[in-house]
Amino acid sequence: LRKNTPGVVALALMVGTFYAVRLPEPSAAEIHDVAEDFAFDSM
């Protein structure tokens, strides 16, 4: 652990940064509410 602390910390920072800055994912309900105004027949 002592030898690899810098790497562990860097990995933790990367993972933490990823979850901190990633855009929020819309819920299925949000998508459904917007999608109900549209419809297409694939041909």
PDB file of all heavy atoms in Angstrom:
ATOM      1  N   LEU A   1       0.818  -1.199   0.000  1.00  0.00           N
ATOM      2  CA  LEU A   1       0.000   0.000   0.000  1.00  0.00           C
ATOM      3  C   LEU A   1       0.860   1.260   0.000  1.00  0.00           C
ATOM      4  O   LEU A   1       0.577   2.226  -0.716  1.00  0.00           O
ATOM      5  CB  LEU A   1      -0.941  -0.008   1.223  1.00  0.00           C
ATOM      6  CG  LEU A   1      -1.947   1.160   1.305  1.00  0.00           C
ATOM      7  CD1 LEU A   1      -2.847   1.153   0.068  1.00  0.00           C
ATOM      8  CD2 LEU A   1      -2.782   1.050   2.575  1.00  0.00           C
ATOM      9  N   ARG A   2       1.955   1.233   0.806  1.00  0.00           N
ATOM     10  CA  ARG A   2       2.822   2.407   0.850  1.00  0.00           C
ATOM     11  C   ARG A   2       3.475   2.656  -0.509  1.00  0.00           C
ATOM     12  O   ARG A   2       3.584   3.779  -0.972  1.00  0.00           O
ATOM     13  CB  ARG A   2       3.904   2.216   1.923  1.00  0.00           C
ATOM     14  CG  ARG A   2       3.394   2.416   3.351  1.00  0.00           C
ATOM     15  CD  ARG A   2       4.556   2.684   4.308  1.00  0.00           C
ATOM     16  NE  ARG A   2       5.555   1.621   4.278  1.00  0.00           N
ATOM     17  CZ  ARG A   2       5.517   0.541   5.073  1.00  0.00           C
ATOM     18  NH1 ARG A   2       4.506   0.383   5.926  1.00  0.00           N
ATOM     19  NH2 ARG A   2       6.462  -0.372   5.014  1.00  0.00           N
ATOM     20  N   LYS A   3       3.912   1.565  -1.146  1.00  0.00           N
ATOM     21  CA  LYS A   3       4.572   1.705  -2.445  1.00  0.00           C
ATOM     22  C   LYS A   3       3.610   2.196  -3.529  1.00  0.00           C
ATOM     23  O   LYS A   3       4.001   2.905  -4.450  1.00  0.00           O
ATOM     24  CB  LYS A   3       5.174   0.365  -2.875  1.00  0.00           C
ATOM     25  CG  LYS A   3       6.430  -0.017  -2.098  1.00  0.00           C
ATOM     26  CD  LYS A   3       6.986  -1.326  -2.643  1.00  0.00           C
ATOM     27  CE  LYS A   3       8.290  -1.704  -1.953  1.00  0.00           C
ATOM     28  NZ  LYS A   3       8.840  -2.972  -2.480  1.00  0.00           N
ATOM     29  N   ASN A   4       2.372   1.789  -3.398  1.00  0.00           N
ATOM     30  CA  ASN A   4       1.423   2.075  -4.477  1.00  0.00           C
ATOM     31  C   ASN A   4       0.419   3.171  -4.128  1.00  0.00           C
ATOM     32  O   ASN A   4      -0.541   3.389  -4.871  1.00  0.00           O
ATOM     33  CB  ASN A   4       0.662   0.798  -4.849  1.00  0.00           C
ATOM     34  CG  ASN A   4       1.558  -0.245  -5.498  1.00  0.00           C
ATOM     35  OD1 ASN A   4       1.843  -0.171  -6.689  1.00  0.00           O
ATOM     36  ND2 ASN A   4       2.006  -1.212  -4.691  1.00  0.00           N
ATOM     37  N   THR A   5       0.641   3.849  -3.018  1.00  0.00           N
ATOM     38  CA  THR A   5      -0.295   4.903  -2.618  1.00  0.00           C
ATOM     39  C   THR A   5      -0.501   5.958  -3.709  1.00  0.00           C
ATOM     40  O   THR A   5      -1.647   6.347  -3.986  1.00  0.00           O
ATOM     41  CB  THR A   5       0.171   5.562  -1.310  1.00  0.00           C
ATOM     42  OG1 THR A   5       0.107   4.603  -0.267  1.00  0.00           O
ATOM     43  CG2 THR A   5      -0.705   6.757  -0.965  1.00  0.00           C
ATOM     44  N   PRO A   6       0.573   6.455  -4.361  1.00  0.00           N
ATOM     45  CA  PRO A   6       0.346   7.462  -5.410  1.00  0.00           C
ATOM     46  C   PRO A   6      -0.588   6.964  -6.524  1.00  0.00           C
ATOM     47  O   PRO A   6      -1.470   7.690  -6.971  1.00  0.00           O
ATOM     48  CB  PRO A   6       1.748   7.744  -5.948  1.00  0.00           C
ATOM     49  CG  PRO A   6       2.657   7.412  -4.810  1.00  0.00           C
ATOM     50  CD  PRO A   6       2.023   6.238  -4.128  1.00  0.00           C
ATOM     51  N   GLY A   7      -0.385   5.700  -6.921  1.00  0.00           N
ATOM     52  CA  GLY A   7      -1.243   5.153  -7.962  1.00  0.00           C
ATOM     53  C   GLY A   7      -2.670   4.982  -7.506  1.00  0.00           C
ATOM     54  O   GLY A   7      -3.617   5.248  -8.255  1.00  0.00           O
ATOM     55  N   VAL A   8      -2.849   4.517  -6.275  1.00  0.00           N
ATOM     56  CA  VAL A   8      -4.199   4.335  -5.735  1.00  0.00           C
ATOM     57  C   VAL A   8      -4.922   5.675  -5.657  1.00  0.00           C
ATOM     58  O   VAL A   8      -6.099   5.802  -6.016  1.00  0.00           O
ATOM     59  CB  VAL A   8      -4.136   3.649  -4.351  1.00  0.00           C
ATOM     60  CG1 VAL A   8      -5.521   3.625  -3.706  1.00  0.00           C
ATOM     61  CG2 VAL A   8      -3.586   2.246  -4.482  1.00  0.00           C
ATOM     62  N   VAL A   9      -4.190   6.688  -5.157  1.00  0.00           N
ATOM     63  CA  VAL A   9      -4.793   8.013  -5.042  1.00  0.00           C
ATOM     64  C   VAL A   9      -5.164   8.549  -6.431  1.00  0.00           C
ATOM     65  O   VAL A   9      -6.248   9.115  -6.628  1.00  0.00           O
ATOM     66  CB  VAL A   9      -3.830   8.978  -4.325  1.00  0.00           C
ATOM     67  CG1 VAL A   9      -4.362  10.419  -4.388  1.00  0.00           C
ATOM     68  CG2 VAL A   9      -3.650   8.557  -2.880  1.00  0.00           C
ATOM     69  N   ALA A  10      -4.257   8.369  -7.390  1.00  0.00           N
ATOM     70  CA  ALA A  10      -4.535   8.860  -8.753  1.00  0.00           C
ATOM     71  C   ALA A  10      -5.760   8.181  -9.340  1.00  0.00           C
ATOM     72  O   ALA A  10      -6.613   8.823  -9.965  1.00  0.00           O
ATOM     73  CB  ALA A  10      -3.317   8.627  -9.647  1.00  0.00           C
ATOM     74  N   LEU A  11      -5.864   6.844  -9.115  1.00  0.00           N
ATOM     75  CA  LEU A  11      -7.011   6.107  -9.620  1.00  0.00           C
ATOM     76  C   LEU A  11      -8.292   6.594  -8.967  1.00  0.00           C
ATOM     77  O   LEU A  11      -9.325   6.773  -9.638  1.00  0.00           O
ATOM     78  CB  LEU A  11      -6.821   4.608  -9.387  1.00  0.00           C
ATOM     79  CG  LEU A  11      -7.958   3.697  -9.863  1.00  0.00           C
ATOM     80  CD1 LEU A  11      -8.153   3.850 -11.374  1.00  0.00           C
ATOM     81  CD2 LEU A  11      -7.660   2.236  -9.500  1.00  0.00           C
ATOM     82  N   ALA A  12      -8.227   6.809  -7.650  1.00  0.00           N
ATOM     83  CA  ALA A  12      -9.408   7.294  -6.943  1.00  0.00           C
ATOM     84  C   ALA A  12      -9.830   8.666  -7.451  1.00  0.00           C
ATOM     85  O   ALA A  12     -11.030   8.938  -7.610  1.00  0.00           O
ATOM     86  CB  ALA A  12      -9.121   7.341  -5.437  1.00  0.00           C
ATOM     87  N   LEU A  13      -8.846   9.528  -7.698  1.00  0.00           N
ATOM     88  CA  LEU A  13      -9.159  10.856  -8.218  1.00  0.00           C
ATOM     89  C   LEU A  13      -9.786  10.776  -9.609  1.00  0.00           C
ATOM     90  O   LEU A  13     -10.734  11.504  -9.923  1.00  0.00           O
ATOM     91  CB  LEU A  13      -7.894  11.712  -8.274  1.00  0.00           C
ATOM     92  CG  LEU A  13      -7.369  12.236  -6.934  1.00  0.00           C
ATOM     93  CD1 LEU A  13      -6.012  12.900  -7.125  1.00  0.00           C
ATOM     94  CD2 LEU A  13      -8.359  13.219  -6.316  1.00  0.00           C
ATOM     95  N   MET A  14      -9.252   9.873 -10.441  1.00  0.00           N
ATOM     96  CA  MET A  14      -9.812   9.726 -11.788  1.00  0.00           C
ATOM     97  C   MET A  14     -11.256   9.254 -11.728  1.00  0.00           C
ATOM     98  O   MET A  14     -12.127   9.798 -12.410  1.00  0.00           O
ATOM     99  CB  MET A  14      -8.961   8.739 -12.600  1.00  0.00           C
ATOM    100  CG  MET A  14      -7.584   9.254 -12.978  1.00  0.00           C
ATOM    101  SD  MET A  14      -6.555   7.960 -13.741  1.00  0.00           S
ATOM    102  CE  MET A  14      -7.548   7.562 -15.173  1.00  0.00           C
ATOM    103  N   VAL A  15     -11.513   8.247 -10.905  1.00  0.00           N
ATOM    104  CA  VAL A  15     -12.875   7.722 -10.793  1.00  0.00           C
ATOM    105  C   VAL A  15     -13.801   8.787 -10.215  1.00  0.00           C
ATOM    106  O   VAL A  15     -14.927   9.003 -10.703  1.00  0.00           O
ATOM    107  CB  VAL A  15     -12.893   6.448  -9.915  1.00  0.00           C
ATOM    108  CG1 VAL A  15     -14.325   6.010  -9.662  1.00  0.00           C
ATOM    109  CG2 VAL A  15     -12.104   5.339 -10.592  1.00  0.00           C
ATOM    110  N   GLY A  16     -13.312   9.488  -9.152  1.00  0.00           N
ATOM    111  CA  GLY A  16     -14.131  10.523  -8.549  1.00  0.00           C
ATOM    112  C   GLY A  16     -14.434  11.650  -9.506  1.00  0.00           C
ATOM    113  O   GLY A  16     -15.556  12.162  -9.563  1.00  0.00           O
ATOM    114  N   THR A  17     -13.415  12.051 -10.302  1.00  0.00           N
ATOM    115  CA  THR A  17     -13.611  13.122 -11.275  1.00  0.00           C
ATOM    116  C   THR A  17     -14.604  12.715 -12.350  1.00  0.00           C
ATOM    117  O   THR A  17     -15.466  13.491 -12.761  1.00  0.00           O
ATOM    118  CB  THR A  17     -12.274  13.505 -11.936  1.00  0.00           C
ATOM    119  OG1 THR A  17     -11.366  13.925 -10.919  1.00  0.00           O
ATOM    120  CG2 THR A  17     -12.454  14.625 -12.944  1.00  0.00           C
ATOM    121  N   PHE A  18     -14.504  11.437 -12.789  1.00  0.00           N
ATOM    122  CA  PHE A  18     -15.436  10.946 -13.810  1.00  0.00           C
ATOM    123  C   PHE A  18     -16.882  11.093 -13.350  1.00  0.00           C
ATOM    124  O   PHE A  18     -17.742  11.616 -14.057  1.00  0.00           O
ATOM    125  CB  PHE A  18     -15.133   9.482 -14.133  1.00  0.00           C
ATOM    126  CG  PHE A  18     -16.183   8.819 -14.995  1.00  0.00           C
ATOM    127  CD1 PHE A  18     -16.230   9.060 -16.358  1.00  0.00           C
ATOM    128  CD2 PHE A  18     -17.124   7.958 -14.443  1.00  0.00           C
ATOM    129  CE1 PHE A  18     -17.198   8.465 -17.146  1.00  0.00           C
ATOM    130  CE2 PHE A  18     -18.087   7.357 -15.230  1.00  0.00           C
ATOM    131  CZ  PHE A  18     -18.115   7.608 -16.585  1.00  0.00           C
ATOM    132  N   TYR A  19     -17.162  10.651 -12.131  1.00  0.00           N
ATOM    133  CA  TYR A  19     -18.535  10.714 -11.634  1.00  0.00           C
ATOM    134  C   TYR A  19     -18.952  12.146 -11.309  1.00  0.00           C
ATOM    135  O   TYR A  19     -20.138  12.479 -11.345  1.00  0.00           O
ATOM    136  CB  TYR A  19     -18.688   9.835 -10.390  1.00  0.00           C
ATOM    137  CG  TYR A  19     -18.805   8.368 -10.749  1.00  0.00           C
ATOM    138  CD1 TYR A  19     -17.711   7.516 -10.619  1.00  0.00           C
ATOM    139  CD2 TYR A  19     -19.991   7.855 -11.256  1.00  0.00           C
ATOM    140  CE1 TYR A  19     -17.801   6.183 -10.970  1.00  0.00           C
ATOM    141  CE2 TYR A  19     -20.090   6.519 -11.610  1.00  0.00           C
ATOM    142  CZ  TYR A  19     -18.998   5.689 -11.466  1.00  0.00           C
ATOM    143  OH  TYR A  19     -19.096   4.373 -11.824  1.00  0.00           O
ATOM    144  N   ALA A  20     -17.978  13.008 -11.029  1.00  0.00           N
ATOM    145  CA  ALA A  20     -18.312  14.389 -10.674  1.00  0.00           C
ATOM    146  C   ALA A  20     -18.676  15.221 -11.901  1.00  0.00           C
ATOM    147  O   ALA A  20     -19.537  16.086 -11.834  1.00  0.00           O
ATOM    148  CB  ALA A  20     -17.149  15.039  -9.927  1.00  0.00           C
ATOM    149  N   VAL A  21     -17.981  14.957 -13.035  1.00  0.00           N
ATOM    150  CA  VAL A  21     -18.167  15.831 -14.194  1.00  0.00           C
ATOM    151  C   VAL A  21     -19.066  15.231 -15.268  1.00  0.00           C
ATOM    152  O   VAL A  21     -19.462  15.939 -16.189  1.00  0.00           O
ATOM    153  CB  VAL A  21     -16.802  16.184 -14.845  1.00  0.00           C
ATOM    154  CG1 VAL A  21     -15.894  16.818 -13.835  1.00  0.00           C
ATOM    155  CG2 VAL A  21     -16.130  14.943 -15.453  1.00  0.00           C
ATOM    156  N   ARG A  22     -19.384  13.963 -15.191  1.00  0.00           N
ATOM    157  CA  ARG A  22     -20.201  13.373 -16.249  1.00  0.00           C
ATOM    158  C   ARG A  22     -21.604  13.996 -16.238  1.00  0.00           C
ATOM    159  O   ARG A  22     -22.128  14.397 -15.191  1.00  0.00           O
ATOM    160  CB  ARG A  22     -20.302  11.856 -16.092  1.00  0.00           C
ATOM    161  CG  ARG A  22     -21.091  11.396 -14.882  1.00  0.00           C
ATOM    162  CD  ARG A  22     -21.279   9.899 -14.893  1.00  0.00           C
ATOM    163  NE  ARG A  22     -22.034   9.438 -13.752  1.00  0.00           N
ATOM    164  CZ  ARG A  22     -22.566   8.226 -13.658  1.00  0.00           C
ATOM    165  NH1 ARG A  22     -22.410   7.371 -14.634  1.00  0.00           N
ATOM    166  NH2 ARG A  22     -23.244   7.883 -12.596  1.00  0.00           N
ATOM    167  N   LEU A  23     -22.173  14.090 -17.426  1.00  0.00           N
ATOM    168  CA  LEU A  23     -23.491  14.684 -17.541  1.00  0.00           C
ATOM    169  C   LEU A  23     -24.539  13.762 -16.933  1.00  0.00           C
ATOM    170  O   LEU A  23     -24.439  12.538 -17.024  1.00  0.00           O
ATOM    171  CB  LEU A  23     -23.818  14.930 -19.014  1.00  0.00           C
ATOM    172  CG  LEU A  23     -22.940  15.955 -19.720  1.00  0.00           C
ATOM    173  CD1 LEU A  23     -23.306  16.019 -21.190  1.00  0.00           C
ATOM    174  CD2 LEU A  23     -23.077  17.320 -19.082  1.00  0.00           C
ATOM    175  N   PRO A  24     -25.570  14.331 -16.304  1.00  0.00           N
ATOM    176  CA  PRO A  24     -26.625  13.494 -15.735  1.00  0.00           C
ATOM    177  C   PRO A  24     -27.378  12.748 -16.830  1.00  0.00           C
ATOM    178  O   PRO A  24     -27.641  13.291 -17.902  1.00  0.00           O
ATOM    179  CB  PRO A  24     -27.529  14.501 -15.014  1.00  0.00           C
ATOM    180  CG  PRO A  24     -27.252  15.816 -15.684  1.00  0.00           C
ATOM    181  CD  PRO A  24     -25.807  15.767 -16.079  1.00  0.00           C
ATOM    182  N   GLU A  25     -27.676  11.496 -16.567  1.00  0.00           N
ATOM    183  CA  GLU A  25     -28.416  10.678 -17.522  1.00  0.00           C
ATOM    184  C   GLU A  25     -29.914  10.908 -17.343  1.00  0.00           C
ATOM    185  O   GLU A  25     -30.423  10.873 -16.226  1.00  0.00           O
ATOM    186  CB  GLU A  25     -28.085   9.197 -17.312  1.00  0.00           C
ATOM    187  CG  GLU A  25     -26.657   8.811 -17.655  1.00  0.00           C
ATOM    188  CD  GLU A  25     -26.409   8.833 -19.152  1.00  0.00           C
ATOM    189  OE1 GLU A  25     -27.368   8.658 -19.924  1.00  0.00           O
ATOM    190  OE2 GLU A  25     -25.248   9.037 -19.545  1.00  0.00           O
ATOM    191  N   PRO A  26     -30.651  11.150 -18.435  1.00  0.00           N
ATOM    192  CA  PRO A  26     -32.096  11.330 -18.294  1.00  0.00           C
ATOM    193  C   PRO A  26     -32.757  10.015 -17.902  1.00  0.00           C
ATOM    194  O   PRO A  26     -32.300   8.929 -18.274  1.00  0.00           O
ATOM    195  CB  PRO A  26     -32.535  11.775 -19.691  1.00  0.00           C
ATOM    196  CG  PRO A  26     -31.484  11.233 -20.612  1.00  0.00           C
ATOM    197  CD  PRO A  26     -30.201  11.280 -19.836  1.00  0.00           C
ATOM    198  N   SER A  27     -33.825  10.107 -17.177  1.00  0.00           N
ATOM    199  CA  SER A  27     -34.557   8.913 -16.761  1.00  0.00           C
ATOM    200  C   SER A  27     -35.418   8.414 -17.905  1.00  0.00           C
ATOM    201  O   SER A  27     -35.710   9.135 -18.869  1.00  0.00           O
ATOM    202  CB  SER A  27     -35.437   9.226 -15.550  1.00  0.00           C
ATOM    203  OG  SER A  27     -36.478  10.118 -15.923  1.00  0.00           O
ATOM    204  N   ALA A  28     -35.840   7.163 -17.787  1.00  0.00           N
ATOM    205  CA  ALA A  28     -36.727   6.588 -18.793  1.00  0.00           C
ATOM    206  C   ALA A  28     -38.034   7.367 -18.877  1.00  0.00           C
ATOM    207  O   ALA A  28     -38.612   7.536 -19.961  1.00  0.00           O
ATOM    208  CB  ALA A  28     -36.993   5.120 -18.471  1.00  0.00           C
ATOM    209  N   ALA A  29     -38.487   7.867 -17.729  1.00  0.00           N
ATOM    210  CA  ALA A  29     -39.731   8.635 -17.707  1.00  0.00           C
ATOM    211  C   ALA A  29     -39.577   9.951 -18.470  1.00  0.00           C
ATOM    212  O   ALA A  29     -40.490  10.361 -19.208  1.00  0.00           O
ATOM    213  CB  ALA A  29     -40.149   8.909 -16.264  1.00  0.00           C
ATOM    214  N   GLU A  30     -38.407  10.615 -18.302  1.00  0.00           N
ATOM    215  CA  GLU A  30     -38.165  11.863 -19.025  1.00  0.00           C
ATOM    216  C   GLU A  30     -38.177  11.620 -20.532  1.00  0.00           C
ATOM    217  O   GLU A  30     -38.788  12.383 -21.305  1.00  0.00           O
ATOM    218  CB  GLU A  30     -36.828  12.460 -18.610  1.00  0.00           C
ATOM    219  CG  GLU A  30     -36.790  13.081 -17.234  1.00  0.00           C
ATOM    220  CD  GLU A  30     -35.412  13.633 -16.916  1.00  0.00           C
ATOM    221  OE1 GLU A  30     -34.500  12.828 -16.629  1.00  0.00           O
ATOM    222  OE2 GLU A  30     -35.242  14.859 -16.974  1.00  0.00           O
ATOM    223  N   ILE A  31     -37.479  10.566 -20.959  1.00  0.00           N
ATOM    224  CA  ILE A  31     -37.419  10.255 -22.387  1.00  0.00           C
ATOM    225  C   ILE A  31     -38.813   9.930 -22.914  1.00  0.00           C
ATOM    226  O   ILE A  31     -39.217  10.394 -23.987  1.00  0.00           O
ATOM    227  CB  ILE A  31     -36.444   9.092 -22.636  1.00  0.00           C
ATOM    228  CG1 ILE A  31     -35.007   9.558 -22.360  1.00  0.00           C
ATOM    229  CG2 ILE A  31     -36.571   8.573 -24.058  1.00  0.00           C
ATOM    230  CD1 ILE A  31     -33.972   8.485 -22.498  1.00  0.00           C
ATOM    231  N   HIS A  32     -39.579   9.170 -22.149  1.00  0.00           N
ATOM    232  CA  HIS A  32     -40.929   8.800 -22.573  1.00  0.00           C
ATOM    233  C   HIS A  32     -41.800  10.038 -22.730  1.00  0.00           C
ATOM    234  O   HIS A  32     -42.564  10.170 -23.699  1.00  0.00           O
ATOM    235  CB  HIS A  32     -41.551   7.835 -21.560  1.00  0.00           C
ATOM    236  CG  HIS A  32     -42.980   7.478 -21.889  1.00  0.00           C
ATOM    237  ND1 HIS A  32     -44.053   8.201 -21.394  1.00  0.00           N
ATOM    238  CD2 HIS A  32     -43.502   6.498 -22.672  1.00  0.00           C
ATOM    239  CE1 HIS A  32     -45.173   7.681 -21.847  1.00  0.00           C
ATOM    240  NE2 HIS A  32     -44.866   6.639 -22.619  1.00  0.00           N
ATOM    241  N   ASP A  33     -41.701  10.966 -21.788  1.00  0.00           N
ATOM    242  CA  ASP A  33     -42.551  12.153 -21.829  1.00  0.00           C
ATOM    243  C   ASP A  33     -42.278  13.000 -23.067  1.00  0.00           C
ATOM    244  O   ASP A  33     -43.202  13.567 -23.664  1.00  0.00           O
ATOM    245  CB  ASP A  33     -42.329  13.005 -20.573  1.00  0.00           C
ATOM    246  CG  ASP A  33     -42.922  12.368 -19.325  1.00  0.00           C
ATOM    247  OD1 ASP A  33     -43.723  11.428 -19.471  1.00  0.00           O
ATOM    248  OD2 ASP A  33     -42.578  12.805 -18.216  1.00  0.00           O
ATOM    249  N   VAL A  34     -41.004  13.105 -23.461  1.00  0.00           N
ATOM    250  CA  VAL A  34     -40.668  13.901 -24.639  1.00  0.00           C
ATOM    251  C   VAL A  34     -40.962  13.105 -25.910  1.00  0.00           C
ATOM    252  O   VAL A  34     -41.463  13.657 -26.900  1.00  0.00           O
ATOM    253  CB  VAL A  34     -39.193  14.331 -24.607  1.00  0.00           C
ATOM    254  CG1 VAL A  34     -38.827  15.128 -25.853  1.00  0.00           C
ATOM    255  CG2 VAL A  34     -38.911  15.166 -23.357  1.00  0.00           C
ATOM    256  N   ALA A  35     -40.684  11.807 -25.893  1.00  0.00           N
ATOM    257  CA  ALA A  35     -40.832  10.974 -27.093  1.00  0.00           C
ATOM    258  C   ALA A  35     -42.285  10.789 -27.516  1.00  0.00           C
ATOM    259  O   ALA A  35     -42.550  10.510 -28.691  1.00  0.00           O
ATOM    260  CB  ALA A  35     -40.180   9.613 -26.875  1.00  0.00           C
ATOM    261  N   GLU A  36     -43.235  10.934 -26.592  1.00  0.00           N
ATOM    262  CA  GLU A  36     -44.627  10.669 -26.944  1.00  0.00           C
ATOM    263  C   GLU A  36     -45.185  11.686 -27.949  1.00  0.00           C
ATOM    264  O   GLU A  36     -46.249  11.468 -28.523  1.00  0.00           O
ATOM    265  CB  GLU A  36     -45.500  10.644 -25.691  1.00  0.00           C
ATOM    266  CG  GLU A  36     -45.607  11.953 -24.953  1.00  0.00           C
ATOM    267  CD  GLU A  36     -46.468  11.824 -23.694  1.00  0.00           C
ATOM    268  OE1 GLU A  36     -46.952  10.693 -23.448  1.00  0.00           O
ATOM    269  OE2 GLU A  36     -46.666  12.831 -22.993  1.00  0.00           O
ATOM    270  N   ASP A  37     -44.464  12.770 -28.175  1.00  0.00           N
ATOM    271  CA  ASP A  37     -44.902  13.744 -29.177  1.00  0.00           C
ATOM    272  C   ASP A  37     -44.470  13.367 -30.587  1.00  0.00           C
ATOM    273  O   ASP A  37     -44.843  14.051 -31.546  1.00  0.00           O
ATOM    274  CB  ASP A  37     -44.338  15.132 -28.855  1.00  0.00           C
ATOM    275  CG  ASP A  37     -44.933  15.731 -27.580  1.00  0.00           C
ATOM    276  OD1 ASP A  37     -46.075  15.375 -27.241  1.00  0.00           O
ATOM    277  OD2 ASP A  37     -44.249  16.539 -26.936  1.00  0.00           O
ATOM    278  N   PHE A  38     -43.667  12.308 -30.728  1.00  0.00           N
ATOM    279  CA  PHE A  38     -43.125  11.925 -32.027  1.00  0.00           C
ATOM    280  C   PHE A  38     -43.451  10.465 -32.329  1.00  0.00           C
ATOM    281  O   PHE A  38     -43.562   9.644 -31.419  1.00  0.00           O
ATOM    282  CB  PHE A  38     -41.596  12.088 -32.047  1.00  0.00           C
ATOM    283  CG  PHE A  38     -41.118  13.464 -31.669  1.00  0.00           C
ATOM    284  CD1 PHE A  38     -40.819  13.768 -30.343  1.00  0.00           C
ATOM    285  CD2 PHE A  38     -40.972  14.450 -32.628  1.00  0.00           C
ATOM    286  CE1 PHE A  38     -40.366  15.021 -29.983  1.00  0.00           C
ATOM    287  CE2 PHE A  38     -40.525  15.710 -32.284  1.00  0.00           C
ATOM    288  CZ  PHE A  38     -40.224  16.004 -30.955  1.00  0.00           C
ATOM    289  N   ALA A  39     -43.554  10.166 -33.617  1.00  0.00           N
ATOM    290  CA  ALA A  39     -43.709   8.770 -34.043  1.00  0.00           C
ATOM    291  C   ALA A  39     -43.322   8.665 -35.520  1.00  0.00           C
ATOM    292  O   ALA A  39     -43.625   9.574 -36.312  1.00  0.00           O
ATOM    293  CB  ALA A  39     -45.135   8.272 -33.841  1.00  0.00           C
ATOM    294  N   PHE A  40     -42.643   7.568 -35.886  1.00  0.00           N
ATOM    295  CA  PHE A  40     -42.223   7.334 -37.264  1.00  0.00           C
ATOM    296  C   PHE A  40     -42.512   5.890 -37.657  1.00  0.00           C
ATOM    297  O   PHE A  40     -42.363   4.976 -36.846  1.00  0.00           O
ATOM    298  CB  PHE A  40     -40.713   7.591 -37.429  1.00  0.00           C
ATOM    299  CG  PHE A  40     -40.306   9.020 -37.234  1.00  0.00           C
ATOM    300  CD1 PHE A  40     -39.909   9.474 -35.979  1.00  0.00           C
ATOM    301  CD2 PHE A  40     -40.318   9.915 -38.286  1.00  0.00           C
ATOM    302  CE1 PHE A  40     -39.529  10.786 -35.783  1.00  0.00           C
ATOM    303  CE2 PHE A  40     -39.940  11.236 -38.109  1.00  0.00           C
ATOM    304  CZ  PHE A  40     -39.554  11.674 -36.852  1.00  0.00           C
ATOM    305  N   ASP A  41     -42.947   5.707 -38.898  1.00  0.00           N
ATOM    306  CA  ASP A  41     -43.046   4.379 -39.495  1.00  0.00           C
ATOM    307  C   ASP A  41     -41.776   4.129 -40.301  1.00  0.00           C
ATOM    308  O   ASP A  41     -41.461   4.894 -41.220  1.00  0.00           O
ATOM    309  CB  ASP A  41     -44.256   4.280 -40.422  1.00  0.00           C
ATOM    310  CG  ASP A  41     -45.557   4.065 -39.674  1.00  0.00           C
ATOM    311  OD1 ASP A  41     -45.496   3.701 -38.487  1.00  0.00           O
ATOM    312  OD2 ASP A  41     -46.622   4.284 -40.275  1.00  0.00           O
ATOM    313  N   SER A  42     -41.031   3.068 -39.957  1.00  0.00           N
ATOM    314  CA  SER A  42     -39.817   2.721 -40.680  1.00  0.00           C
ATOM    315  C   SER A  42     -40.187   1.948 -41.936  1.00  0.00           C
ATOM    316  O   SER A  42     -40.910   0.944 -41.870  1.00  0.00           O
ATOM    317  CB  SER A  42     -38.900   1.884 -39.783  1.00  0.00           C
ATOM    318  OG  SER A  42     -37.759   1.459 -40.489  1.00  0.00           O
ATOM    319  N   MET A  43     -39.686   2.379 -43.091  1.00  0.00           N
ATOM    320  CA  MET A  43     -40.081   1.792 -44.364  1.00  0.00           C
ATOM    321  C   MET A  43     -38.860   1.545 -45.238  1.00  0.00           C
ATOM    322  O   MET A  43     -37.890   2.315 -45.234  1.00  0.00           O
ATOM    323  CB  MET A  43     -41.070   2.719 -45.084  1.00  0.00           C
ATOM    324  CG  MET A  43     -42.235   3.176 -44.209  1.00  0.00           C
ATOM    325  SD  MET A  43     -43.328   4.362 -45.006  1.00  0.00           S
ATOM    326  CE  MET A  43     -44.275   3.269 -46.063  1.00  0.00           C
TER     327      MET A  43
END
